[in-house]
Amino acid sequence: KEKGNQYVKMGKKHYSDAIDCYTRAINQKALSDSENSAIYANRAHVNLLLGNYRRAITDAEEAIKLCP
């Protein structure tokens, strides 16, 4: 998660790296629901910045499901 956040701060050309980091964190299935919710929300934010609106909505909905 932290590495993904760093990529976001580095600017637009690093957004895909941020998404990769968030995806790897989610796929580890080692975090709590609230932690995964935050990661989904972060990934939704980056997808929104990239104009990937459907992916952003999907991730935002998953974040809400995990931690309303």
C-alpha atoms as a PDB file:
ATOM      1  CA  LYS A   1       0.000   0.000   0.000  1.00  0.00           C
ATOM      2  CA  GLU A   2       2.718   2.458   0.989  1.00  0.00           C
ATOM      3  CA  LYS A   3       4.679   1.794  -2.205  1.00  0.00           C
ATOM      4  CA  GLY A   4       1.527   2.445  -4.242  1.00  0.00           C
ATOM      5  CA  ASN A   5       0.982   5.707  -2.385  1.00  0.00           C
ATOM      6  CA  GLN A   6       4.544   6.744  -3.199  1.00  0.00           C
ATOM      7  CA  TYR A   7       3.947   6.077  -6.904  1.00  0.00           C
ATOM      8  CA  VAL A   8       0.820   8.227  -6.846  1.00  0.00           C
ATOM      9  CA  LYS A   9       2.791  11.107  -5.339  1.00  0.00           C
ATOM     10  CA  MET A  10       5.383  10.756  -8.129  1.00  0.00           C
ATOM     11  CA  GLY A  11       2.830  11.758 -10.737  1.00  0.00           C
ATOM     12  CA  LYS A  12       0.698  10.522 -13.588  1.00  0.00           C
ATOM     13  CA  LYS A  13       3.323   8.468 -15.391  1.00  0.00           C
ATOM     14  CA  HIS A  14       3.621   6.275 -12.272  1.00  0.00           C
ATOM     15  CA  TYR A  15      -0.109   5.657 -11.784  1.00  0.00           C
ATOM     16  CA  SER A  16      -0.006   2.239 -13.461  1.00  0.00           C
ATOM     17  CA  ASP A  17       2.771   1.218 -11.038  1.00  0.00           C
ATOM     18  CA  ALA A  18       0.551   2.341  -8.154  1.00  0.00           C
ATOM     19  CA  ILE A  19      -2.332   0.240  -9.461  1.00  0.00           C
ATOM     20  CA  ASP A  20       0.003  -2.766  -9.697  1.00  0.00           C
ATOM     21  CA  CYS A  21       1.092  -2.292  -6.081  1.00  0.00           C
ATOM     22  CA  TYR A  22      -2.475  -1.991  -4.832  1.00  0.00           C
ATOM     23  CA  THR A  23      -3.512  -5.062  -6.833  1.00  0.00           C
ATOM     24  CA  ARG A  24      -0.651  -7.132  -5.406  1.00  0.00           C
ATOM     25  CA  ALA A  25      -1.596  -6.043  -1.882  1.00  0.00           C
ATOM     26  CA  ILE A  26      -5.230  -7.069  -2.444  1.00  0.00           C
ATOM     27  CA  ASN A  27      -4.254 -10.414  -3.986  1.00  0.00           C
ATOM     28  CA  GLN A  28      -2.138 -11.364  -0.971  1.00  0.00           C
ATOM     29  CA  LYS A  29      -5.355 -11.808   1.025  1.00  0.00           C
ATOM     30  CA  ALA A  30      -3.384 -11.210   4.211  1.00  0.00           C
ATOM     31  CA  LEU A  31      -4.962  -7.948   5.332  1.00  0.00           C
ATOM     32  CA  SER A  32      -8.051  -7.079   7.333  1.00  0.00           C
ATOM     33  CA  ASP A  33     -11.262  -5.949   5.657  1.00  0.00           C
ATOM     34  CA  SER A  34     -10.643  -2.352   6.701  1.00  0.00           C
ATOM     35  CA  GLU A  35      -7.104  -2.418   5.276  1.00  0.00           C
ATOM     36  CA  ASN A  36      -8.315  -3.980   2.031  1.00  0.00           C
ATOM     37  CA  SER A  37     -11.103  -1.411   1.879  1.00  0.00           C
ATOM     38  CA  ALA A  38      -8.538   1.391   2.020  1.00  0.00           C
ATOM     39  CA  ILE A  39      -6.474  -0.236  -0.720  1.00  0.00           C
ATOM     40  CA  TYR A  40      -9.533  -0.655  -2.952  1.00  0.00           C
ATOM     41  CA  ALA A  41     -10.378   3.003  -2.317  1.00  0.00           C
ATOM     42  CA  ASN A  42      -6.832   4.043  -3.230  1.00  0.00           C
ATOM     43  CA  ARG A  43      -6.953   1.987  -6.428  1.00  0.00           C
ATOM     44  CA  ALA A  44     -10.356   3.467  -7.249  1.00  0.00           C
ATOM     45  CA  HIS A  45      -8.876   6.947  -6.849  1.00  0.00           C
ATOM     46  CA  VAL A  46      -6.008   6.219  -9.239  1.00  0.00           C
ATOM     47  CA  ASN A  47      -8.375   4.652 -11.774  1.00  0.00           C
ATOM     48  CA  LEU A  48     -10.520   7.776 -11.524  1.00  0.00           C
ATOM     49  CA  LEU A  49      -7.465   9.946 -12.198  1.00  0.00           C
ATOM     50  CA  LEU A  50      -6.681   7.815 -15.257  1.00  0.00           C
ATOM     51  CA  GLY A  51     -10.250   8.048 -16.553  1.00  0.00           C
ATOM     52  CA  ASN A  52     -10.950   4.347 -15.944  1.00  0.00           C
ATOM     53  CA  TYR A  53     -14.383   5.141 -14.562  1.00  0.00           C
ATOM     54  CA  ARG A  54     -15.904   1.665 -14.609  1.00  0.00           C
ATOM     55  CA  ARG A  55     -12.903   0.215 -12.772  1.00  0.00           C
ATOM     56  CA  ALA A  56     -13.041   3.087 -10.304  1.00  0.00           C
ATOM     57  CA  ILE A  57     -16.705   2.383  -9.563  1.00  0.00           C
ATOM     58  CA  THR A  58     -16.065  -1.349  -9.163  1.00  0.00           C
ATOM     59  CA  ASP A  59     -13.226  -0.749  -6.705  1.00  0.00           C
ATOM     60  CA  ALA A  60     -15.203   1.887  -4.787  1.00  0.00           C
ATOM     61  CA  GLU A  61     -18.133  -0.529  -4.423  1.00  0.00           C
ATOM     62  CA  GLU A  62     -15.785  -3.247  -3.173  1.00  0.00           C
ATOM     63  CA  ALA A  63     -14.279  -0.822  -0.647  1.00  0.00           C
ATOM     64  CA  ILE A  64     -17.757   0.014   0.667  1.00  0.00           C
ATOM     65  CA  LYS A  65     -18.711  -3.680   0.871  1.00  0.00           C
ATOM     66  CA  LEU A  66     -15.649  -4.466   2.957  1.00  0.00           C
ATOM     67  CA  CYS A  67     -15.989  -1.519   5.298  1.00  0.00           C
ATOM     68  CA  PRO A  68     -19.287   0.390   5.062  1.00  0.00           C
END
